Amino acid sequence: MKLASQIKPISYLKAHAAEIVRNLGDLREPLIITQNGEAKVVVQDIKSYEQTQETMALLKILALGNRQIEENKIQPAADVIKNIRDRQG
């Protein structure tokens, strides 16, 4: 993704807010807003935001799982299933 075309000053955001909102959903690319020549915020459509949040959650779960493996805090699946069945029964 080339972000160079997606960098705009805050004055552009103020002048074209409705157009930006319409285009964000179509383009599915973030818009970087600058203030005094410095990147300040990222604006993106809600679907992309939700997808990013879901991806981050999955990555956290994977990192936790990897850490548990490294710390040898694991059990065979058969043992876990047996424990669950024993508690239910």
N, C-alpha and C. Protein backbone atom coordinates (compact mmCIF):
# COMPACT_ATOMS: atom_id res chain seq x y z
N MET A 1 0.85 -1.17 0.00
CA MET A 1 0.00 0.00 0.00
C MET A 1 0.89 1.23 0.00
N LYS A 2 0.69 2.09 -0.96
CA LYS A 2 1.46 3.33 -1.03
C LYS A 2 0.67 4.43 -0.32
N LEU A 3 1.23 4.91 0.77
CA LEU A 3 0.52 5.90 1.57
C LEU A 3 0.75 7.33 1.11
N ALA A 4 1.70 7.56 0.22
CA ALA A 4 2.02 8.93 -0.19
C ALA A 4 0.80 9.68 -0.71
N SER A 5 -0.07 9.00 -1.43
CA SER A 5 -1.26 9.66 -1.97
C SER A 5 -2.35 9.80 -0.91
N GLN A 6 -2.15 9.18 0.22
CA GLN A 6 -3.15 9.20 1.29
C GLN A 6 -2.72 10.10 2.46
N ILE A 7 -1.84 11.02 2.20
CA ILE A 7 -1.40 11.97 3.24
C ILE A 7 -1.94 13.34 2.88
N LYS A 8 -2.71 13.92 3.78
CA LYS A 8 -3.35 15.22 3.53
C LYS A 8 -3.21 16.10 4.76
N PRO A 9 -3.15 17.41 4.55
CA PRO A 9 -3.11 18.33 5.68
C PRO A 9 -4.48 18.45 6.34
N ILE A 10 -4.51 18.91 7.56
CA ILE A 10 -5.76 19.03 8.30
C ILE A 10 -6.73 19.97 7.59
N SER A 11 -6.22 20.95 6.87
CA SER A 11 -7.10 21.87 6.13
C SER A 11 -7.89 21.11 5.06
N TYR A 12 -7.28 20.09 4.45
CA TYR A 12 -7.98 19.28 3.46
C TYR A 12 -9.12 18.50 4.13
N LEU A 13 -8.86 17.97 5.31
CA LEU A 13 -9.89 17.25 6.05
C LEU A 13 -11.07 18.17 6.35
N LYS A 14 -10.77 19.37 6.79
CA LYS A 14 -11.84 20.32 7.13
C LYS A 14 -12.67 20.68 5.90
N ALA A 15 -12.03 20.85 4.77
CA ALA A 15 -12.72 21.30 3.55
C ALA A 15 -13.43 20.17 2.81
N HIS A 16 -13.00 18.93 3.03
CA HIS A 16 -13.54 17.81 2.24
C HIS A 16 -14.03 16.65 3.10
N ALA A 17 -14.51 16.92 4.29
CA ALA A 17 -14.89 15.85 5.22
C ALA A 17 -15.90 14.87 4.62
N ALA A 18 -16.97 15.38 4.03
CA ALA A 18 -18.01 14.48 3.48
C ALA A 18 -17.44 13.60 2.37
N GLU A 19 -16.65 14.18 1.50
CA GLU A 19 -16.03 13.43 0.41
C GLU A 19 -15.07 12.36 0.96
N ILE A 20 -14.32 12.71 1.96
CA ILE A 20 -13.38 11.77 2.58
C ILE A 20 -14.13 10.58 3.16
N VAL A 21 -15.21 10.84 3.87
CA VAL A 21 -15.99 9.76 4.47
C VAL A 21 -16.54 8.83 3.38
N ARG A 22 -17.04 9.40 2.30
CA ARG A 22 -17.55 8.58 1.18
C ARG A 22 -16.43 7.72 0.60
N ASN A 23 -15.28 8.30 0.39
CA ASN A 23 -14.18 7.59 -0.29
C ASN A 23 -13.50 6.55 0.59
N LEU A 24 -13.48 6.76 1.89
CA LEU A 24 -12.80 5.81 2.76
C LEU A 24 -13.39 4.41 2.65
N GLY A 25 -14.71 4.33 2.59
CA GLY A 25 -15.36 3.03 2.47
C GLY A 25 -15.07 2.35 1.15
N ASP A 26 -14.94 3.13 0.10
CA ASP A 26 -14.67 2.57 -1.23
C ASP A 26 -13.21 2.15 -1.37
N LEU A 27 -12.31 2.99 -0.93
CA LEU A 27 -10.88 2.74 -1.12
C LEU A 27 -10.32 1.72 -0.14
N ARG A 28 -10.91 1.68 1.06
CA ARG A 28 -10.42 0.79 2.13
C ARG A 28 -8.95 1.04 2.44
N GLU A 29 -8.52 2.29 2.30
CA GLU A 29 -7.15 2.68 2.64
C GLU A 29 -7.23 3.79 3.68
N PRO A 30 -6.31 3.79 4.64
CA PRO A 30 -6.33 4.84 5.65
C PRO A 30 -5.91 6.18 5.07
N LEU A 31 -6.34 7.24 5.71
CA LEU A 31 -5.95 8.59 5.33
C LEU A 31 -5.15 9.18 6.49
N ILE A 32 -3.96 9.63 6.20
CA ILE A 32 -3.10 10.20 7.23
C ILE A 32 -3.25 11.71 7.18
N ILE A 33 -3.58 12.29 8.33
CA ILE A 33 -3.78 13.73 8.42
C ILE A 33 -2.56 14.35 9.12
N THR A 34 -2.04 15.40 8.50
CA THR A 34 -0.89 16.09 9.07
C THR A 34 -1.31 17.43 9.65
N GLN A 35 -0.54 17.88 10.61
CA GLN A 35 -0.72 19.21 11.19
C GLN A 35 0.67 19.81 11.34
N ASN A 36 0.85 20.97 10.76
CA ASN A 36 2.17 21.62 10.73
C ASN A 36 3.23 20.70 10.14
N GLY A 37 2.85 19.95 9.11
CA GLY A 37 3.78 19.08 8.39
C GLY A 37 4.10 17.78 9.09
N GLU A 38 3.49 17.51 10.22
CA GLU A 38 3.76 16.29 10.98
C GLU A 38 2.53 15.41 11.02
N ALA A 39 2.71 14.12 10.77
CA ALA A 39 1.59 13.18 10.81
C ALA A 39 1.01 13.17 12.22
N LYS A 40 -0.33 13.33 12.32
CA LYS A 40 -0.98 13.41 13.63
C LYS A 40 -2.03 12.32 13.85
N VAL A 41 -2.84 12.04 12.83
CA VAL A 41 -3.91 11.05 13.00
C VAL A 41 -4.06 10.21 11.74
N VAL A 42 -4.69 9.06 11.94
CA VAL A 42 -5.04 8.18 10.83
C VAL A 42 -6.56 8.02 10.85
N VAL A 43 -7.18 8.21 9.71
CA VAL A 43 -8.63 8.04 9.57
C VAL A 43 -8.86 6.85 8.66
N GLN A 44 -9.76 5.96 9.09
CA GLN A 44 -10.04 4.80 8.25
C GLN A 44 -11.51 4.41 8.37
N ASP A 45 -11.98 3.63 7.40
CA ASP A 45 -13.38 3.20 7.43
C ASP A 45 -13.58 2.19 8.54
N ILE A 46 -14.81 2.04 8.98
CA ILE A 46 -15.13 1.20 10.13
C ILE A 46 -14.83 -0.27 9.88
N LYS A 47 -15.05 -0.76 8.68
CA LYS A 47 -14.78 -2.18 8.39
C LYS A 47 -13.29 -2.48 8.52
N SER A 48 -12.46 -1.58 8.00
CA SER A 48 -11.02 -1.77 8.12
C SER A 48 -10.58 -1.70 9.58
N TYR A 49 -11.17 -0.78 10.33
CA TYR A 49 -10.85 -0.65 11.75
C TYR A 49 -11.21 -1.93 12.50
N GLU A 50 -12.41 -2.44 12.26
CA GLU A 50 -12.84 -3.67 12.93
C GLU A 50 -11.94 -4.84 12.56
N GLN A 51 -11.57 -4.92 11.29
CA GLN A 51 -10.69 -6.00 10.85
C GLN A 51 -9.32 -5.89 11.55
N THR A 52 -8.81 -4.68 11.68
CA THR A 52 -7.54 -4.47 12.37
C THR A 52 -7.64 -4.90 13.82
N GLN A 53 -8.74 -4.53 14.48
CA GLN A 53 -8.93 -4.91 15.88
C GLN A 53 -9.02 -6.42 16.05
N GLU A 54 -9.72 -7.09 15.15
CA GLU A 54 -9.83 -8.55 15.21
C GLU A 54 -8.47 -9.20 14.99
N THR A 55 -7.71 -8.67 14.05
CA THR A 55 -6.37 -9.19 13.78
C THR A 55 -5.48 -9.03 15.00
N MET A 56 -5.54 -7.87 15.64
CA MET A 56 -4.73 -7.63 16.84
C MET A 56 -5.12 -8.60 17.96
N ALA A 57 -6.41 -8.85 18.12
CA ALA A 57 -6.87 -9.78 19.16
C ALA A 57 -6.33 -11.18 18.90
N LEU A 58 -6.39 -11.62 17.65
CA LEU A 58 -5.88 -12.95 17.30
C LEU A 58 -4.37 -13.04 17.52
N LEU A 59 -3.65 -11.98 17.18
CA LEU A 59 -2.20 -11.97 17.40
C LEU A 59 -1.86 -12.04 18.89
N LYS A 60 -2.65 -11.36 19.73
CA LYS A 60 -2.44 -11.43 21.18
C LYS A 60 -2.67 -12.84 21.70
N ILE A 61 -3.72 -13.50 21.19
CA ILE A 61 -4.00 -14.88 21.60
C ILE A 61 -2.86 -15.80 21.18
N LEU A 62 -2.35 -15.62 19.97
CA LEU A 62 -1.23 -16.44 19.51
C LEU A 62 0.02 -16.19 20.34
N ALA A 63 0.29 -14.94 20.67
CA ALA A 63 1.46 -14.62 21.50
C ALA A 63 1.33 -15.25 22.87
N LEU A 64 0.13 -15.20 23.44
CA LEU A 64 -0.10 -15.82 24.75
C LEU A 64 0.12 -17.32 24.66
N GLY A 65 -0.39 -17.95 23.63
CA GLY A 65 -0.20 -19.38 23.43
C GLY A 65 1.26 -19.75 23.28
N ASN A 66 2.00 -18.95 22.52
CA ASN A 66 3.43 -19.21 22.35
C ASN A 66 4.17 -19.08 23.68
N ARG A 67 3.81 -18.07 24.47
CA ARG A 67 4.45 -17.89 25.76
C ARG A 67 4.16 -19.07 26.68
N GLN A 68 2.92 -19.56 26.66
CA GLN A 68 2.56 -20.71 27.48
C GLN A 68 3.33 -21.96 27.05
N ILE A 69 3.55 -22.11 25.76
CA ILE A 69 4.34 -23.24 25.26
C ILE A 69 5.78 -23.12 25.75
N GLU A 70 6.35 -21.93 25.63
CA GLU A 70 7.73 -21.71 26.07
C GLU A 70 7.89 -21.96 27.57
N GLU A 71 6.86 -21.64 28.34
CA GLU A 71 6.91 -21.83 29.79
C GLU A 71 6.44 -23.23 30.21
N ASN A 72 6.20 -24.09 29.21
CA ASN A 72 5.76 -25.47 29.42
C ASN A 72 4.46 -25.53 30.23
N LYS A 73 3.57 -24.59 30.00
CA LYS A 73 2.26 -24.58 30.66
C LYS A 73 1.22 -25.15 29.71
N ILE A 74 1.44 -26.38 29.30
CA ILE A 74 0.55 -27.01 28.32
C ILE A 74 0.10 -28.37 28.84
N GLN A 75 -1.01 -28.85 28.29
CA GLN A 75 -1.54 -30.17 28.60
C GLN A 75 -2.00 -30.82 27.31
N PRO A 76 -1.89 -32.12 27.23
CA PRO A 76 -2.42 -32.80 26.05
C PRO A 76 -3.93 -32.57 25.93
N ALA A 77 -4.42 -32.41 24.72
CA ALA A 77 -5.84 -32.15 24.49
C ALA A 77 -6.72 -33.24 25.09
N ALA A 78 -6.29 -34.48 25.00
CA ALA A 78 -7.09 -35.58 25.55
C ALA A 78 -7.30 -35.42 27.05
N ASP A 79 -6.26 -34.96 27.77
CA ASP A 79 -6.39 -34.73 29.21
C ASP A 79 -7.37 -33.61 29.51
N VAL A 80 -7.31 -32.55 28.73
CA VAL A 80 -8.22 -31.41 28.94
C VAL A 80 -9.66 -31.85 28.71
N ILE A 81 -9.90 -32.57 27.64
CA ILE A 81 -11.26 -33.04 27.33
C ILE A 81 -11.77 -33.97 28.42
N LYS A 82 -10.90 -34.87 28.90
CA LYS A 82 -11.29 -35.78 29.98
C LYS A 82 -11.66 -34.99 31.24
N ASN A 83 -10.87 -33.98 31.60
CA ASN A 83 -11.17 -33.15 32.78
C ASN A 83 -12.50 -32.44 32.63
N ILE A 84 -12.80 -31.93 31.46
CA ILE A 84 -14.07 -31.24 31.23
C ILE A 84 -15.23 -32.23 31.38
N ARG A 85 -15.09 -33.38 30.79
CA ARG A 85 -16.16 -34.40 30.88
C ARG A 85 -16.35 -34.87 32.31
N ASP A 86 -15.26 -35.03 33.03
CA ASP A 86 -15.35 -35.46 34.43
C ASP A 86 -16.11 -34.43 35.27
N ARG A 87 -15.89 -33.15 35.01
CA ARG A 87 -16.56 -32.09 35.78
C ARG A 87 -18.04 -32.03 35.44
N GLN A 88 -18.40 -32.37 34.21
CA GLN A 88 -19.80 -32.31 33.78
C GLN A 88 -20.59 -33.52 34.26
N GLY A 89 -19.92 -34.61 34.45
CA GLY A 89 -20.60 -35.85 34.67
C GLY A 89 -20.96 -36.24 36.02
